[in-house]
PDB file of N, CA and C in Angstrom:
ATOM      1  N   MET A   1      29.114 103.362  15.909  1.00  0.00           N
ATOM      2  CA  MET A   1      29.927 103.530  14.551  1.00  0.00           C
ATOM      3  C   MET A   1      30.764 104.856  14.420  1.00  0.00           C
ATOM      4  N   SER A   2      32.117 104.802  13.796  1.00  0.00           N
ATOM      5  CA  SER A   2      32.859 105.986  14.220  1.00  0.00           C
ATOM      6  C   SER A   2      32.544 106.599  12.388  1.00  0.00           C
ATOM      7  N   ASN A   3      32.944 108.082  12.482  1.00  0.00           N
ATOM      8  CA  ASN A   3      32.409 108.520  11.452  1.00  0.00           C
ATOM      9  C   ASN A   3      34.523 109.316  11.041  1.00  0.00           C
ATOM     10  N   GLU A   4      35.143 108.498  11.365  1.00  0.00           N
ATOM     11  CA  GLU A   4      36.136 108.926  11.082  1.00  0.00           C
ATOM     12  C   GLU A   4      36.690 108.749   9.837  1.00  0.00           C
ATOM     13  N   ILE A   5      37.425 109.797   9.237  1.00  0.00           N
ATOM     14  CA  ILE A   5      37.517 110.036   7.760  1.00  0.00           C
ATOM     15  C   ILE A   5      39.150 108.884   7.353  1.00  0.00           C
ATOM     16  N   ARG A   6      38.465 108.050   6.527  1.00  0.00           N
ATOM     17  CA  ARG A   6      39.871 107.153   5.946  1.00  0.00           C
ATOM     18  C   ARG A   6      39.685 107.173   4.628  1.00  0.00           C
ATOM     19  N   LYS A   7      41.013 107.075   3.693  1.00  0.00           N
ATOM     20  CA  LYS A   7      40.951 107.242   2.203  1.00  0.00           C
ATOM     21  C   LYS A   7      41.777 105.457   2.407  1.00  0.00           C
ATOM     22  N   GLU A   8      41.491 105.157   1.206  1.00  0.00           N
ATOM     23  CA  GLU A   8      42.097 103.929   0.478  1.00  0.00           C
ATOM     24  C   GLU A   8      42.540 103.882  -0.466  1.00  0.00           C
ATOM     25  N   TYR A   9      43.694 103.526  -0.949  1.00  0.00           N
ATOM     26  CA  TYR A   9      44.279 103.066  -2.198  1.00  0.00           C
ATOM     27  C   TYR A   9      45.314 101.990  -2.171  1.00  0.00           C
ATOM     28  N   SER A  10      44.752 101.146  -3.600  1.00  0.00           N
ATOM     29  CA  SER A  10      44.831  99.776  -3.599  1.00  0.00           C
ATOM     30  C   SER A  10      45.908  99.555  -4.317  1.00  0.00           C
ATOM     31  N   ASN A  11      46.666  98.672  -4.779  1.00  0.00           N
ATOM     32  CA  ASN A  11      47.730  98.273  -5.765  1.00  0.00           C
ATOM     33  C   ASN A  11      47.211  96.703  -5.934  1.00  0.00           C
ATOM     34  N   ARG A  12      46.156  96.474  -5.850  1.00  0.00           N
ATOM     35  CA  ARG A  12      45.719  94.927  -6.348  1.00  0.00           C
ATOM     36  C   ARG A  12      46.057  94.122  -5.351  1.00  0.00           C
ATOM     37  N   GLU A  13      47.447  94.086  -4.511  1.00  0.00           N
ATOM     38  CA  GLU A  13      47.722  93.292  -3.732  1.00  0.00           C
ATOM     39  C   GLU A  13      47.645  93.742  -2.054  1.00  0.00           C
ATOM     40  N   ILE A  14      47.529  94.551  -1.903  1.00  0.00           N
ATOM     41  CA  ILE A  14      47.208  95.393  -0.638  1.00  0.00           C
ATOM     42  C   ILE A  14      46.592  96.742  -1.105  1.00  0.00           C
ATOM     43  N   THR A  15      45.761  96.905   0.366  1.00  0.00           N
ATOM     44  CA  THR A  15      44.956  98.379   0.266  1.00  0.00           C
ATOM     45  C   THR A  15      45.680  99.375   1.146  1.00  0.00           C
ATOM     46  N   VAL A  16      46.241 100.586   0.920  1.00  0.00           N
ATOM     47  CA  VAL A  16      46.914 101.372   1.895  1.00  0.00           C
ATOM     48  C   VAL A  16      45.737 102.021   2.536  1.00  0.00           C
ATOM     49  N   VAL A  17      45.322 102.278   4.076  1.00  0.00           N
ATOM     50  CA  VAL A  17      44.497 102.449   4.710  1.00  0.00           C
ATOM     51  C   VAL A  17      45.364 104.043   5.185  1.00  0.00           C
ATOM     52  N   TRP A  18      44.730 105.467   5.102  1.00  0.00           N
ATOM     53  CA  TRP A  18      45.270 106.634   5.674  1.00  0.00           C
ATOM     54  C   TRP A  18      43.926 107.147   6.698  1.00  0.00           C
ATOM     55  N   LYS A  19      44.526 107.419   7.977  1.00  0.00           N
ATOM     56  CA  LYS A  19      43.472 108.140   8.522  1.00  0.00           C
ATOM     57  C   LYS A  19      43.840 109.290   8.633  1.00  0.00           C
ATOM     58  N   PRO A  20      43.283 110.300   8.466  1.00  0.00           N
ATOM     59  CA  PRO A  20      43.961 111.803   8.329  1.00  0.00           C
ATOM     60  C   PRO A  20      44.256 112.356   9.558  1.00  0.00           C
ATOM     61  N   GLY A  21      43.029 111.913  10.662  1.00  0.00           N
ATOM     62  CA  GLY A  21      42.699 112.875  11.956  1.00  0.00           C
ATOM     63  C   GLY A  21      43.943 112.209  12.848  1.00  0.00           C
ATOM     64  N   LYS A  22      44.541 111.139  12.420  1.00  0.00           N
ATOM     65  CA  LYS A  22      45.421 110.433  13.040  1.00  0.00           C
ATOM     66  C   LYS A  22      46.783 110.504  12.884  1.00  0.00           C
ATOM     67  N   CYS A  23      47.016 111.190  11.343  1.00  0.00           N
ATOM     68  CA  CYS A  23      48.199 111.826  11.390  1.00  0.00           C
ATOM     69  C   CYS A  23      48.945 113.153  12.033  1.00  0.00           C
ATOM     70  N   ILE A  24      50.483 112.720  12.527  1.00  0.00           N
ATOM     71  CA  ILE A  24      51.196 113.794  13.194  1.00  0.00           C
ATOM     72  C   ILE A  24      52.270 114.478  11.702  1.00  0.00           C
ATOM     73  N   HIS A  25      51.862 114.284  10.612  1.00  0.00           N
ATOM     74  CA  HIS A  25      52.739 114.938   9.679  1.00  0.00           C
ATOM     75  C   HIS A  25      54.180 114.533   9.994  1.00  0.00           C
ATOM     76  N   ALA A  26      54.879 113.156  10.334  1.00  0.00           N
ATOM     77  CA  ALA A  26      56.146 113.346  10.938  1.00  0.00           C
ATOM     78  C   ALA A  26      57.155 113.087   9.514  1.00  0.00           C
ATOM     79  N   GLY A  27      56.264 112.684   8.183  1.00  0.00           N
ATOM     80  CA  GLY A  27      56.969 112.352   7.339  1.00  0.00           C
ATOM     81  C   GLY A  27      57.951 111.399   6.914  1.00  0.00           C
ATOM     82  N   VAL A  28      57.969 110.282   7.774  1.00  0.00           N
ATOM     83  CA  VAL A  28      58.310 109.201   7.972  1.00  0.00           C
ATOM     84  C   VAL A  28      58.243 108.257   6.245  1.00  0.00           C
ATOM     85  N   CYS A  29      56.835 108.738   5.837  1.00  0.00           N
ATOM     86  CA  CYS A  29      56.168 107.642   4.882  1.00  0.00           C
ATOM     87  C   CYS A  29      57.220 108.466   3.678  1.00  0.00           C
ATOM     88  N   VAL A  30      56.834 109.673   3.604  1.00  0.00           N
ATOM     89  CA  VAL A  30      57.549 110.750   2.464  1.00  0.00           C
ATOM     90  C   VAL A  30      58.812 110.665   2.204  1.00  0.00           C
ATOM     91  N   LYS A  31      59.671 110.410   3.598  1.00  0.00           N
ATOM     92  CA  LYS A  31      61.209 110.355   3.072  1.00  0.00           C
ATOM     93  C   LYS A  31      61.685 108.798   2.715  1.00  0.00           C
ATOM     94  N   THR A  32      60.757 107.616   3.308  1.00  0.00           N
ATOM     95  CA  THR A  32      60.805 106.374   3.152  1.00  0.00           C
ATOM     96  C   THR A  32      60.441 106.144   1.686  1.00  0.00           C
ATOM     97  N   LEU A  33      59.463 106.067   0.991  1.00  0.00           N
ATOM     98  CA  LEU A  33      58.854 106.035  -0.213  1.00  0.00           C
ATOM     99  C   LEU A  33      58.564 107.296  -0.847  1.00  0.00           C
ATOM    100  N   PRO A  34      59.321 108.396  -1.212  1.00  0.00           N
ATOM    101  CA  PRO A  34      58.725 109.476  -1.895  1.00  0.00           C
ATOM    102  C   PRO A  34      58.231 109.100  -3.165  1.00  0.00           C
ATOM    103  N   ASN A  35      58.135 108.429  -4.048  1.00  0.00           N
ATOM    104  CA  ASN A  35      57.730 107.607  -5.197  1.00  0.00           C
ATOM    105  C   ASN A  35      56.265 107.569  -4.923  1.00  0.00           C
ATOM    106  N   VAL A  36      55.815 107.190  -3.423  1.00  0.00           N
ATOM    107  CA  VAL A  36      54.720 106.829  -3.249  1.00  0.00           C
ATOM    108  C   VAL A  36      53.831 107.670  -2.500  1.00  0.00           C
ATOM    109  N   TYR A  37      54.329 108.542  -1.846  1.00  0.00           N
ATOM    110  CA  TYR A  37      53.609 109.395  -1.005  1.00  0.00           C
ATOM    111  C   TYR A  37      54.536 110.987  -1.541  1.00  0.00           C
ATOM    112  N   ASP A  38      53.591 111.695  -2.055  1.00  0.00           N
ATOM    113  CA  ASP A  38      53.607 112.788  -2.718  1.00  0.00           C
ATOM    114  C   ASP A  38      52.398 113.772  -2.333  1.00  0.00           C
ATOM    115  N   PRO A  39      52.753 114.445  -0.826  1.00  0.00           N
ATOM    116  CA  PRO A  39      51.732 115.467  -0.753  1.00  0.00           C
ATOM    117  C   PRO A  39      51.333 116.496  -1.474  1.00  0.00           C
ATOM    118  N   LYS A  40      51.856 116.845  -2.598  1.00  0.00           N
ATOM    119  CA  LYS A  40      51.653 117.756  -3.661  1.00  0.00           C
ATOM    120  C   LYS A  40      50.838 117.096  -4.749  1.00  0.00           C
ATOM    121  N   ALA A  41      50.865 115.891  -4.842  1.00  0.00           N
ATOM    122  CA  ALA A  41      49.753 115.395  -5.552  1.00  0.00           C
ATOM    123  C   ALA A  41      48.379 114.879  -5.388  1.00  0.00           C
ATOM    124  N   LYS A  42      47.601 114.376  -6.302  1.00  0.00           N
ATOM    125  CA  LYS A  42      46.386 114.021  -6.399  1.00  0.00           C
ATOM    126  C   LYS A  42      46.026 112.902  -7.065  1.00  0.00           C
ATOM    127  N   PRO A  43      45.861 111.414  -6.833  1.00  0.00           N
ATOM    128  CA  PRO A  43      45.920 111.230  -5.052  1.00  0.00           C
ATOM    129  C   PRO A  43      47.657 111.560  -4.509  1.00  0.00           C
ATOM    130  N   TRP A  44      47.641 111.405  -3.372  1.00  0.00           N
ATOM    131  CA  TRP A  44      48.867 111.606  -2.811  1.00  0.00           C
ATOM    132  C   TRP A  44      49.701 110.210  -2.371  1.00  0.00           C
ATOM    133  N   ILE A  45      49.040 109.091  -2.241  1.00  0.00           N
ATOM    134  CA  ILE A  45      49.468 108.175  -2.731  1.00  0.00           C
ATOM    135  C   ILE A  45      49.220 107.018  -3.572  1.00  0.00           C
ATOM    136  N   THR A  46      50.338 106.738  -4.347  1.00  0.00           N
ATOM    137  CA  THR A  46      50.069 105.869  -5.365  1.00  0.00           C
ATOM    138  C   THR A  46      50.923 104.808  -5.040  1.00  0.00           C
ATOM    139  N   PRO A  47      50.325 103.742  -4.245  1.00  0.00           N
ATOM    140  CA  PRO A  47      50.936 102.318  -3.904  1.00  0.00           C
ATOM    141  C   PRO A  47      51.372 101.856  -5.156  1.00  0.00           C
ATOM    142  N   GLU A  48      50.910 101.770  -6.241  1.00  0.00           N
ATOM    143  CA  GLU A  48      51.402 101.064  -7.357  1.00  0.00           C
ATOM    144  C   GLU A  48      52.730 101.471  -7.885  1.00  0.00           C
ATOM    145  N   ASN A  49      53.501 102.564  -7.305  1.00  0.00           N
ATOM    146  CA  ASN A  49      55.076 103.034  -7.428  1.00  0.00           C
ATOM    147  C   ASN A  49      56.321 101.895  -6.500  1.00  0.00           C
ATOM    148  N   ALA A  50      55.354 100.847  -5.734  1.00  0.00           N
ATOM    149  CA  ALA A  50      56.228 100.453  -4.602  1.00  0.00           C
ATOM    150  C   ALA A  50      56.125  99.514  -5.019  1.00  0.00           C
ATOM    151  N   THR A  51      56.826  98.090  -3.984  1.00  0.00           N
ATOM    152  CA  THR A  51      56.618  97.040  -4.352  1.00  0.00           C
ATOM    153  C   THR A  51      55.726  96.666  -2.842  1.00  0.00           C
ATOM    154  N   THR A  52      54.692  95.632  -2.889  1.00  0.00           N
ATOM    155  CA  THR A  52      53.795  95.456  -1.628  1.00  0.00           C
ATOM    156  C   THR A  52      54.718  95.111  -0.136  1.00  0.00           C
ATOM    157  N   LYS A  53      55.827  94.524  -0.273  1.00  0.00           N
ATOM    158  CA  LYS A  53      56.770  94.432   0.752  1.00  0.00           C
ATOM    159  C   LYS A  53      57.372  95.755   1.230  1.00  0.00           C
ATOM    160  N   ALA A  54      58.076  96.895   0.115  1.00  0.00           N
ATOM    161  CA  ALA A  54      58.234  97.979   0.684  1.00  0.00           C
ATOM    162  C   ALA A  54      57.046  99.051   1.369  1.00  0.00           C
ATOM    163  N   LEU A  55      56.072  98.787   0.813  1.00  0.00           N
ATOM    164  CA  LEU A  55      55.046  99.203   1.384  1.00  0.00           C
ATOM    165  C   LEU A  55      54.548  98.915   2.863  1.00  0.00           C
ATOM    166  N   ILE A  56      54.653  97.866   3.015  1.00  0.00           N
ATOM    167  CA  ILE A  56      54.266  97.094   4.053  1.00  0.00           C
ATOM    168  C   ILE A  56      55.323  97.538   5.226  1.00  0.00           C
ATOM    169  N   ASP A  57      56.364  97.563   5.022  1.00  0.00           N
ATOM    170  CA  ASP A  57      57.296  97.801   5.515  1.00  0.00           C
ATOM    171  C   ASP A  57      57.466  99.533   5.986  1.00  0.00           C
ATOM    172  N   GLN A  58      57.635 100.013   5.224  1.00  0.00           N
ATOM    173  CA  GLN A  58      57.177 100.968   5.384  1.00  0.00           C
ATOM    174  C   GLN A  58      55.858 101.675   6.101  1.00  0.00           C
ATOM    175  N   ILE A  59      54.780 101.192   6.214  1.00  0.00           N
ATOM    176  CA  ILE A  59      53.525 101.346   7.036  1.00  0.00           C
ATOM    177  C   ILE A  59      53.887 101.028   8.498  1.00  0.00           C
ATOM    178  N   ASP A  60      54.308  99.787   8.175  1.00  0.00           N
ATOM    179  CA  ASP A  60      54.877  99.132   9.748  1.00  0.00           C
ATOM    180  C   ASP A  60      55.687 100.429  10.858  1.00  0.00           C
ATOM    181  N   ARG A  61      56.708 101.207   9.841  1.00  0.00           N
ATOM    182  CA  ARG A  61      56.750 102.313  10.878  1.00  0.00           C
ATOM    183  C   ARG A  61      56.619 103.566  10.816  1.00  0.00           C
ATOM    184  N   CYS A  62      54.958 103.513  10.807  1.00  0.00           N
ATOM    185  CA  CYS A  62      54.352 104.423  10.889  1.00  0.00           C
ATOM    186  C   CYS A  62      54.357 105.135  12.332  1.00  0.00           C
ATOM    187  N   PRO A  63      55.098 106.255  12.821  1.00  0.00           N
ATOM    188  CA  PRO A  63      54.683 106.559  14.225  1.00  0.00           C
ATOM    189  C   PRO A  63      53.358 106.862  14.690  1.00  0.00           C
ATOM    190  N   SER A  64      52.281 106.997  13.870  1.00  0.00           N
ATOM    191  CA  SER A  64      51.068 107.228  14.424  1.00  0.00           C
ATOM    192  C   SER A  64      50.123 106.769  14.454  1.00  0.00           C
ATOM    193  N   GLY A  65      50.396 105.893  13.485  1.00  0.00           N
ATOM    194  CA  GLY A  65      49.399 104.709  13.018  1.00  0.00           C
ATOM    195  C   GLY A  65      48.329 104.976  11.881  1.00  0.00           C
ATOM    196  N   ALA A  66      48.535 106.133  11.671  1.00  0.00           N
ATOM    197  CA  ALA A  66      47.664 106.846  10.592  1.00  0.00           C
ATOM    198  C   ALA A  66      47.691 105.968   9.328  1.00  0.00           C
ATOM    199  N   LEU A  67      48.710 105.406   8.929  1.00  0.00           N
ATOM    200  CA  LEU A  67      48.785 104.563   7.983  1.00  0.00           C
ATOM    201  C   LEU A  67      48.414 103.143   8.432  1.00  0.00           C
ATOM    202  N   SER A  68      47.871 102.091   7.502  1.00  0.00           N
ATOM    203  CA  SER A  68      47.718 100.690   7.737  1.00  0.00           C
ATOM    204  C   SER A  68      47.532 100.263   6.412  1.00  0.00           C
ATOM    205  N   TYR A  69      47.231  98.828   6.441  1.00  0.00           N
ATOM    206  CA  TYR A  69      46.951  98.113   5.193  1.00  0.00           C
ATOM    207  C   TYR A  69      45.902  96.966   5.200  1.00  0.00           C
ATOM    208  N   ILE A  70      45.192  96.597   4.721  1.00  0.00           N
ATOM    209  CA  ILE A  70      44.631  95.718   4.132  1.00  0.00           C
ATOM    210  C   ILE A  70      45.113  94.500   3.091  1.00  0.00           C
ATOM    211  N   LYS A  71      45.158  92.949   3.342  1.00  0.00           N
ATOM    212  CA  LYS A  71      46.176  92.066   2.295  1.00  0.00           C
ATOM    213  C   LYS A  71      44.405  91.853   1.466  1.00  0.00           C
ATOM    214  N   GLY A  72      45.032  91.507   0.148  1.00  0.00           N
ATOM    215  CA  GLY A  72      44.164  91.194  -0.773  1.00  0.00           C
ATOM    216  C   GLY A  72      43.295  92.469  -1.165  1.00  0.00           C
TER     217      GLY A  72
END
């Protein structure tokens, strides 16, 4: 069993999963969807500020794989 830290943020259609240990801080998420990803805010991910399609498109471009999603 892994003890890897993971955080989950839901918009009721998908759950955005962030694994901080994998994050390389490339900034793709913040640059692509600044209304969703704000490193200075708590929580720093607010998936309700974008469409599910926009979230999926952005998450698929995460270079480290630190961001993923679960449908439903």
